[in-house]
Amino acid sequence: MTPDTFIRNELALREKQGLLRARRISGTPMRANFSSNDYLALSTDEAVIAAFREALQRYGAGSTGSPLTAGYHHAHQVLEEALADYLGVEAVLLFSSGYAANSGALNVLRRIGYTPILDKLCHASLYEGAGDKPLRYRHNDLDHLTDQLIGLPDNQDVVVVTESVFSMDGDQWDGTGLHALCDKMDTVRTGATHIFLDHAHGLGVTEVVTPSNQIKLQTGTFGKALGNGGAYVAGDQDWIDYLQQQCRHYIYSTAFGPAQAAAIHRALQVIVKEPERRTMLREYVDYFRQGAESLGLRLAPSQTPIQPLLVGDSGLAMRLSEALRQKGIVCVAIRPPTVPPGTARLRFTVTLHHDHAAIDHLFSALQEVLQQDPELAEVCCAA
């Protein structure tokens, strides 16, 4: 079989299984887009846009180089310092994407001798950095994690990899329990037991994660609540300095533009000065869940803006997504391998673009779809 034939066959198979990915040009108004991660509506905030515009005039459109050549500007330094202060850490390093930050930083830890153990539902970027056949523990199952740790050589340094808010289920890590477990392991093992925390979907939405001796590195992105793009790795000064020397994803990538850094900094300032945004977001999430309950929808038990409607079959998830699109509402179907087989879903994300009227409109459309399609109603609604 030629490579061309193999590729065509694989594409045909994915289409038959309802797994073929496709892009659609985004043009739906934000109040009708329930797949956006713009939780605090900062992508369209006037102050953020003004900061971007002013910095474009000052710096130009791009950074013009990697951060270790010509690409590191004053705006990047200002953002790093402000973010370090917000997170309560010693230092921050900026990355072009969350994928690069996660895979690059974890790869460095692995190269200096750490064994990563990942929560089963960690993001693909974390698995990329963990290498071939990484150790895993069942989702949020600290008993299973304990078994994994005890089964390792006594002197092996370990980094437990998890997320503050899990991107596909919307549930949260057990920070208190995980810290207690790491403390316990430090008394029974000679090797270190540290935490690598991906805070991408928690940044600006949940409480700031308190720095600790156990959390050696925290990562996060600016493409969610901060309404922009790019990412960071945060931690102790020595660890961040070492990443700057050794992380290939940082060294050999063009830095994102200084105007973008200025816009992110302004978004961070808005988050600090306007805590009521987070309060309002929580109220919208509660309103969304009340509406879903009134329709008997089979939602995952999430208290975050990520609200998955479990469908199961990939083809049915695609059918529901398309039916909503026909009514002017965007909610992309999430299918394997992004989620485990048999757990395809529509992952609704609630943002400050979604006031009560927008949420009511969504559920009105969803009710019409389910009334017209009994098969979808059967899989989407609780018995």
Protein backbone atom coordinates (compact mmCIF):
# COMPACT_ATOMS: atom_id res chain seq x y z
CA MET A 1 0.00 0.00 0.00
CA THR A 2 1.38 3.40 -0.99
CA PRO A 3 1.47 6.29 1.48
CA ASP A 4 -1.15 8.13 -0.59
CA THR A 5 -3.50 5.14 -0.45
CA PHE A 6 -2.92 4.72 3.28
CA ILE A 7 -3.77 8.37 3.94
CA ARG A 8 -6.93 8.26 1.81
CA ASN A 9 -8.09 5.07 3.55
CA GLU A 10 -7.45 6.53 6.99
CA LEU A 11 -9.40 9.68 6.17
CA ALA A 12 -12.30 7.63 4.81
CA LEU A 13 -12.31 5.47 7.93
CA ARG A 14 -12.35 8.48 10.25
CA GLU A 15 -15.25 9.97 8.30
CA LYS A 16 -17.18 6.70 8.56
CA GLN A 17 -16.58 6.58 12.33
CA GLY A 18 -17.74 10.16 12.79
CA LEU A 19 -14.23 11.21 13.83
CA LEU A 20 -13.13 13.35 10.88
CA ARG A 21 -12.10 16.79 12.10
CA ALA A 22 -12.99 19.86 10.07
CA ARG A 23 -12.57 23.61 10.43
CA ARG A 24 -15.32 26.19 10.12
CA ILE A 25 -14.61 29.87 9.74
CA SER A 26 -15.68 31.55 12.95
CA GLY A 27 -18.18 34.33 12.43
CA THR A 28 -20.95 33.56 14.88
CA PRO A 29 -21.69 36.35 17.38
CA MET A 30 -20.03 35.60 20.70
CA ARG A 31 -23.35 35.38 22.56
CA ALA A 32 -24.29 32.42 20.32
CA ASN A 33 -20.87 30.73 20.47
CA PHE A 34 -20.72 28.15 23.25
CA SER A 35 -17.35 26.70 22.25
CA SER A 36 -15.25 29.79 22.99
CA ASN A 37 -12.88 29.85 25.97
CA ASP A 38 -13.20 33.63 26.34
CA TYR A 39 -14.57 33.17 29.86
CA LEU A 40 -14.31 36.78 31.06
CA ALA A 41 -15.10 38.39 27.67
CA LEU A 42 -11.68 40.05 27.59
CA SER A 43 -11.04 39.38 23.90
CA THR A 44 -13.49 42.17 23.10
CA ASP A 45 -12.82 44.40 26.11
CA GLU A 46 -12.25 48.01 25.04
CA ALA A 47 -9.33 48.57 27.41
CA VAL A 48 -7.56 45.44 26.19
CA ILE A 49 -8.07 46.37 22.55
CA ALA A 50 -6.82 49.90 23.21
CA ALA A 51 -3.66 48.55 24.86
CA PHE A 52 -3.09 46.28 21.86
CA ARG A 53 -3.57 49.17 19.44
CA GLU A 54 -1.24 51.52 21.33
CA ALA A 55 1.48 48.88 21.57
CA LEU A 56 1.18 48.08 17.86
CA GLN A 57 2.01 51.68 17.10
CA ARG A 58 4.98 51.57 19.47
CA TYR A 59 6.48 48.14 18.75
CA GLY A 60 5.08 47.03 15.40
CA ALA A 61 3.28 43.80 14.58
CA GLY A 62 5.80 41.14 15.61
CA SER A 63 8.64 40.38 17.98
CA THR A 64 11.03 39.72 15.03
CA GLY A 65 12.95 36.92 16.73
CA SER A 66 13.27 34.31 19.43
CA PRO A 67 13.34 35.62 23.00
CA LEU A 68 17.08 34.94 23.23
CA THR A 69 17.92 36.88 20.05
CA ALA A 70 15.85 39.96 19.12
CA GLY A 71 12.38 38.89 20.28
CA TYR A 72 12.32 39.87 23.96
CA HIS A 73 10.91 43.38 24.45
CA HIS A 74 10.13 45.61 27.40
CA ALA A 75 6.44 44.67 27.14
CA HIS A 76 7.35 41.01 27.68
CA GLN A 77 9.39 41.88 30.78
CA VAL A 78 6.54 43.96 32.20
CA LEU A 79 4.08 41.11 31.64
CA GLU A 80 6.37 38.53 33.24
CA GLU A 81 6.84 40.67 36.33
CA ALA A 82 3.13 41.45 36.67
CA LEU A 83 2.17 37.81 36.23
CA ALA A 84 4.76 36.65 38.76
CA ASP A 85 3.31 39.12 41.26
CA TYR A 86 -0.26 37.96 40.54
CA LEU A 87 0.64 34.28 40.90
CA GLY A 88 2.87 34.84 43.92
CA VAL A 89 5.91 33.18 42.35
CA GLU A 90 9.51 34.25 41.88
CA ALA A 91 9.65 34.18 38.09
CA VAL A 92 7.71 33.60 34.87
CA LEU A 93 8.79 32.57 31.37
CA LEU A 94 6.56 33.36 28.38
CA PHE A 95 5.86 30.81 25.63
CA SER A 96 4.21 31.05 22.23
CA SER A 97 1.50 28.50 23.13
CA GLY A 98 0.21 26.37 25.96
CA TYR A 99 1.21 23.26 24.04
CA ALA A 100 4.80 24.48 23.85
CA ALA A 101 4.88 25.45 27.52
CA ASN A 102 3.54 22.10 28.73
CA SER A 103 5.43 19.76 26.45
CA GLY A 104 8.65 21.78 26.61
CA ALA A 105 8.84 22.23 30.39
CA LEU A 106 7.85 18.64 31.16
CA ASN A 107 10.37 17.36 28.64
CA VAL A 108 13.12 19.25 30.49
CA LEU A 109 12.08 17.72 33.81
CA ARG A 110 12.17 14.27 32.28
CA ARG A 111 15.65 14.89 30.86
CA ILE A 112 17.05 15.79 34.28
CA GLY A 113 15.74 12.59 35.81
CA TYR A 114 12.15 13.11 36.91
CA THR A 115 9.59 10.37 36.26
CA PRO A 116 6.25 11.96 35.31
CA ILE A 117 3.03 10.36 36.56
CA LEU A 118 0.03 11.88 34.81
CA ASP A 119 -3.64 12.08 35.68
CA LYS A 120 -5.33 9.98 33.01
CA LEU A 121 -7.30 12.99 31.73
CA CYS A 122 -4.34 15.35 31.33
CA HIS A 123 -4.08 17.38 28.13
CA ALA A 124 -2.30 15.95 25.07
CA SER A 125 0.50 18.52 25.43
CA LEU A 126 1.41 17.04 28.80
CA TYR A 127 1.51 13.54 27.38
CA GLU A 128 3.73 14.87 24.60
CA GLY A 129 6.23 16.11 27.16
CA ALA A 130 6.07 12.95 29.26
CA GLY A 131 7.60 10.71 26.59
CA ASP A 132 6.65 7.23 25.40
CA LYS A 133 4.43 5.09 27.63
CA PRO A 134 4.28 7.44 30.64
CA LEU A 135 2.90 6.31 33.97
CA ARG A 136 -0.72 7.31 34.61
CA TYR A 137 -3.15 7.21 37.49
CA ARG A 138 -6.92 7.05 37.33
CA HIS A 139 -8.55 10.46 37.16
CA ASN A 140 -8.33 12.24 40.52
CA ASP A 141 -7.77 8.87 42.22
CA LEU A 142 -5.15 9.56 44.88
CA ASP A 143 -5.24 5.98 46.14
CA HIS A 144 -4.21 4.74 42.71
CA LEU A 145 -1.55 7.45 42.54
CA THR A 146 -0.22 6.27 45.91
CA ASP A 147 0.13 2.75 44.54
CA GLN A 148 2.02 4.08 41.53
CA LEU A 149 4.41 6.07 43.71
CA ILE A 150 5.11 3.22 46.10
CA GLY A 151 5.83 0.94 43.15
CA LEU A 152 8.72 3.13 41.95
CA PRO A 153 12.33 2.82 43.15
CA ASP A 154 12.69 4.53 46.52
CA ASN A 155 15.19 7.11 45.28
CA GLN A 156 13.36 8.01 42.06
CA ASP A 157 12.40 11.70 41.75
CA VAL A 158 8.78 12.03 40.63
CA VAL A 159 6.63 14.83 39.25
CA VAL A 160 2.86 14.34 39.52
CA VAL A 161 1.21 16.04 36.55
CA THR A 162 -2.33 17.34 36.85
CA GLU A 163 -4.66 20.22 35.92
CA SER A 164 -6.45 22.72 38.13
CA VAL A 165 -9.52 22.53 35.86
CA PHE A 166 -9.77 19.62 33.43
CA SER A 167 -10.51 20.86 29.95
CA MET A 168 -12.97 18.21 28.78
CA ASP A 169 -14.87 17.39 31.99
CA GLY A 170 -14.73 20.74 33.77
CA ASP A 171 -14.00 19.18 37.15
CA GLN A 172 -11.10 20.27 39.37
CA TRP A 173 -8.05 18.78 41.01
CA ASP A 174 -7.92 17.83 44.67
CA GLY A 175 -5.16 20.27 45.59
CA THR A 176 -5.36 19.70 49.33
CA GLY A 177 -5.30 15.93 48.98
CA LEU A 178 -2.47 15.93 46.46
CA HIS A 179 -0.30 18.18 48.61
CA ALA A 180 -0.91 15.94 51.62
CA LEU A 181 0.02 12.87 49.57
CA CYS A 182 3.27 14.46 48.35
CA ASP A 183 4.15 15.44 51.91
CA LYS A 184 3.53 11.86 53.03
CA MET A 185 5.65 10.43 50.21
CA ASP A 186 8.53 12.66 51.26
CA THR A 187 8.57 10.84 54.61
CA VAL A 188 8.55 7.32 53.16
CA ARG A 189 10.64 7.77 50.00
CA THR A 190 14.09 9.31 49.56
CA GLY A 191 13.27 10.62 46.10
CA ALA A 192 11.44 13.94 45.70
CA THR A 193 7.71 14.01 44.93
CA HIS A 194 6.72 17.27 43.23
CA ILE A 195 3.71 18.66 41.36
CA PHE A 196 3.48 20.03 37.81
CA LEU A 197 0.20 21.95 37.55
CA ASP A 198 -1.50 23.02 34.31
CA HIS A 199 -3.62 26.02 35.31
CA ALA A 200 -4.81 26.88 31.78
CA HIS A 201 -8.58 26.74 32.36
CA GLY A 202 -8.33 27.99 35.95
CA LEU A 203 -6.33 31.18 35.38
CA GLY A 204 -8.59 34.16 36.13
CA VAL A 205 -11.60 31.88 36.74
CA THR A 206 -10.79 30.01 39.94
CA GLU A 207 -8.79 31.19 42.92
CA VAL A 208 -5.08 31.84 42.39
CA VAL A 209 -3.17 28.66 43.17
CA THR A 210 -1.09 29.27 46.29
CA PRO A 211 2.61 28.60 45.63
CA SER A 212 4.11 25.75 47.62
CA ASN A 213 7.30 23.73 47.97
CA GLN A 214 5.49 20.88 46.21
CA ILE A 215 4.41 22.78 43.08
CA LYS A 216 7.68 23.13 41.22
CA LEU A 217 6.17 24.42 37.99
CA GLN A 218 2.81 25.91 37.06
CA THR A 219 1.78 26.51 33.46
CA GLY A 220 -1.14 28.40 31.98
CA THR A 221 -2.35 30.04 28.81
CA PHE A 222 -3.55 33.48 27.84
CA GLY A 223 -5.98 32.04 25.28
CA LYS A 224 -8.74 31.33 27.78
CA ALA A 225 -9.85 33.84 30.43
CA LEU A 226 -7.36 36.49 29.28
CA GLY A 227 -8.83 36.49 25.79
CA ASN A 228 -5.58 36.44 23.85
CA GLY A 229 -2.89 33.86 23.04
CA GLY A 230 0.44 32.56 24.30
CA ALA A 231 1.33 30.93 27.61
CA TYR A 232 3.62 30.92 30.63
CA VAL A 233 5.60 28.68 32.94
CA ALA A 234 5.94 29.94 36.52
CA GLY A 235 8.04 28.84 39.49
CA ASP A 236 11.16 29.47 41.53
CA GLN A 237 13.81 31.68 39.91
CA ASP A 238 16.38 28.87 39.58
CA TRP A 239 13.89 26.57 37.85
CA ILE A 240 12.80 29.26 35.42
CA ASP A 241 16.43 30.21 34.70
CA TYR A 242 17.19 26.56 33.95
CA LEU A 243 14.25 26.30 31.54
CA GLN A 244 15.56 29.37 29.75
CA GLN A 245 18.83 27.52 29.19
CA GLN A 246 17.46 24.09 28.33
CA CYS A 247 13.88 24.25 26.99
CA ARG A 248 14.05 23.88 23.21
CA HIS A 249 10.43 25.00 22.77
CA TYR A 250 11.43 28.34 24.28
CA ILE A 251 14.89 28.76 22.81
CA TYR A 252 14.01 27.98 19.19
CA SER A 253 10.58 29.62 18.83
CA THR A 254 9.78 33.16 17.77
CA ALA A 255 8.39 35.11 20.71
CA PHE A 256 4.82 36.34 20.41
CA GLY A 257 4.55 40.04 19.61
CA PRO A 258 5.17 42.74 22.22
CA ALA A 259 1.80 44.30 21.38
CA GLN A 260 0.21 41.01 22.34
CA ALA A 261 2.14 41.08 25.61
CA ALA A 262 0.79 44.57 26.32
CA ALA A 263 -2.77 43.44 25.66
CA ILE A 264 -2.35 40.42 27.95
CA HIS A 265 -0.96 42.67 30.68
CA ARG A 266 -3.98 44.95 30.39
CA ALA A 267 -6.29 41.92 30.57
CA LEU A 268 -4.52 40.82 33.74
CA GLN A 269 -5.02 44.28 35.22
CA VAL A 270 -8.74 44.07 34.44
CA ILE A 271 -8.98 40.71 36.21
CA VAL A 272 -7.32 42.17 39.30
CA LYS A 273 -9.36 45.39 39.34
CA GLU A 274 -12.73 43.84 38.44
CA PRO A 275 -13.26 40.71 40.58
CA GLU A 276 -16.97 41.11 39.91
CA ARG A 277 -16.39 39.56 36.49
CA ARG A 278 -15.60 36.24 38.12
CA THR A 279 -18.60 36.57 40.42
CA MET A 280 -20.88 37.19 37.45
CA LEU A 281 -19.40 34.25 35.58
CA ARG A 282 -20.19 31.94 38.48
CA GLU A 283 -23.77 33.23 38.46
CA TYR A 284 -24.06 32.51 34.72
CA VAL A 285 -22.71 28.98 35.27
CA ASP A 286 -25.35 28.41 37.96
CA TYR A 287 -28.07 29.73 35.65
CA PHE A 288 -26.85 27.45 32.86
CA ARG A 289 -26.99 24.40 35.11
CA GLN A 290 -30.49 25.31 36.28
CA GLY A 291 -31.65 25.49 32.66
CA ALA A 292 -30.03 22.16 31.84
CA GLU A 293 -31.66 20.55 34.86
CA SER A 294 -35.08 21.81 33.79
CA LEU A 295 -34.63 19.93 30.50
CA GLY A 296 -33.29 16.83 32.23
CA LEU A 297 -29.98 17.01 30.37
CA ARG A 298 -27.20 14.60 31.24
CA LEU A 299 -24.55 17.14 32.22
CA ALA A 300 -21.25 16.23 33.83
CA PRO A 301 -21.03 17.38 37.48
CA SER A 302 -18.95 20.49 36.78
CA GLN A 303 -19.11 23.77 38.70
CA THR A 304 -16.77 25.56 36.27
CA PRO A 305 -17.58 27.30 32.96
CA ILE A 306 -16.90 23.99 31.16
CA GLN A 307 -20.27 22.20 31.00
CA PRO A 308 -20.12 18.93 29.03
CA LEU A 309 -23.33 17.33 27.75
CA LEU A 310 -22.51 13.64 27.45
CA VAL A 311 -23.86 12.00 24.28
CA GLY A 312 -21.69 8.89 23.93
CA ASP A 313 -21.78 8.10 20.23
CA SER A 314 -19.62 10.30 17.99
CA GLY A 315 -22.12 10.34 15.13
CA LEU A 316 -24.93 11.46 17.42
CA ALA A 317 -22.75 14.16 18.94
CA MET A 318 -22.02 15.47 15.46
CA ARG A 319 -25.72 15.37 14.63
CA LEU A 320 -26.62 17.42 17.70
CA SER A 321 -23.89 19.94 16.99
CA GLU A 322 -25.06 20.38 13.41
CA ALA A 323 -28.70 20.73 14.47
CA LEU A 324 -27.75 23.56 16.81
CA ARG A 325 -25.62 25.17 14.11
CA GLN A 326 -28.68 25.23 11.86
CA LYS A 327 -30.34 27.31 14.57
CA GLY A 328 -27.41 29.73 14.73
CA ILE A 329 -25.69 28.29 17.81
CA VAL A 330 -22.09 27.03 17.84
CA CYS A 331 -21.09 24.15 20.10
CA VAL A 332 -18.50 21.82 18.65
CA ALA A 333 -18.76 18.05 19.21
CA ILE A 334 -15.79 16.65 21.13
CA ARG A 335 -14.94 13.10 20.07
CA PRO A 336 -12.24 10.47 20.58
CA PRO A 337 -9.30 10.52 20.85
CA THR A 338 -9.71 13.89 22.60
CA VAL A 339 -12.06 12.13 25.03
CA PRO A 340 -12.24 8.39 25.85
CA PRO A 341 -14.17 6.10 23.47
CA GLY A 342 -17.90 6.13 24.07
CA THR A 343 -17.87 9.56 25.78
CA ALA A 344 -18.37 11.94 22.84
CA ARG A 345 -19.99 15.14 24.00
CA LEU A 346 -20.92 18.71 23.34
CA ARG A 347 -18.71 20.78 25.60
CA PHE A 348 -20.63 23.96 26.34
CA THR A 349 -18.49 26.77 27.72
CA VAL A 350 -20.19 29.57 29.61
CA THR A 351 -18.67 33.03 29.30
CA LEU A 352 -19.56 36.61 30.16
CA HIS A 353 -20.86 36.93 26.60
CA HIS A 354 -23.71 34.64 27.70
CA ASP A 355 -26.23 36.57 29.72
CA HIS A 356 -29.54 35.02 30.80
CA ALA A 357 -31.16 35.82 27.46
CA ALA A 358 -28.39 34.07 25.51
CA ILE A 359 -28.58 30.99 27.73
CA ASP A 360 -32.39 30.93 27.45
CA HIS A 361 -32.08 31.10 23.67
CA LEU A 362 -29.68 28.14 23.69
CA PHE A 363 -31.98 25.96 25.76
CA SER A 364 -35.00 26.93 23.67
CA ALA A 365 -33.14 25.79 20.55
CA LEU A 366 -31.90 22.65 22.26
CA GLN A 367 -35.39 21.76 23.42
CA GLU A 368 -36.69 22.08 19.86
CA VAL A 369 -33.90 19.85 18.53
CA LEU A 370 -34.55 17.14 21.12
CA GLN A 371 -38.31 17.23 20.53
CA GLN A 372 -37.71 16.70 16.83
CA ASP A 373 -35.11 13.93 17.30
CA PRO A 374 -36.16 11.27 19.85
CA GLU A 375 -32.88 9.39 19.46
CA LEU A 376 -30.91 12.44 20.53
CA ALA A 377 -33.35 13.10 23.37
CA GLU A 378 -32.83 9.55 24.63
CA VAL A 379 -29.04 9.86 24.87
CA CYS A 380 -28.94 13.46 26.10
CA CYS A 381 -31.53 13.30 28.84
CA ALA A 382 -31.28 11.45 32.13
CA ALA A 383 -33.61 8.50 32.61
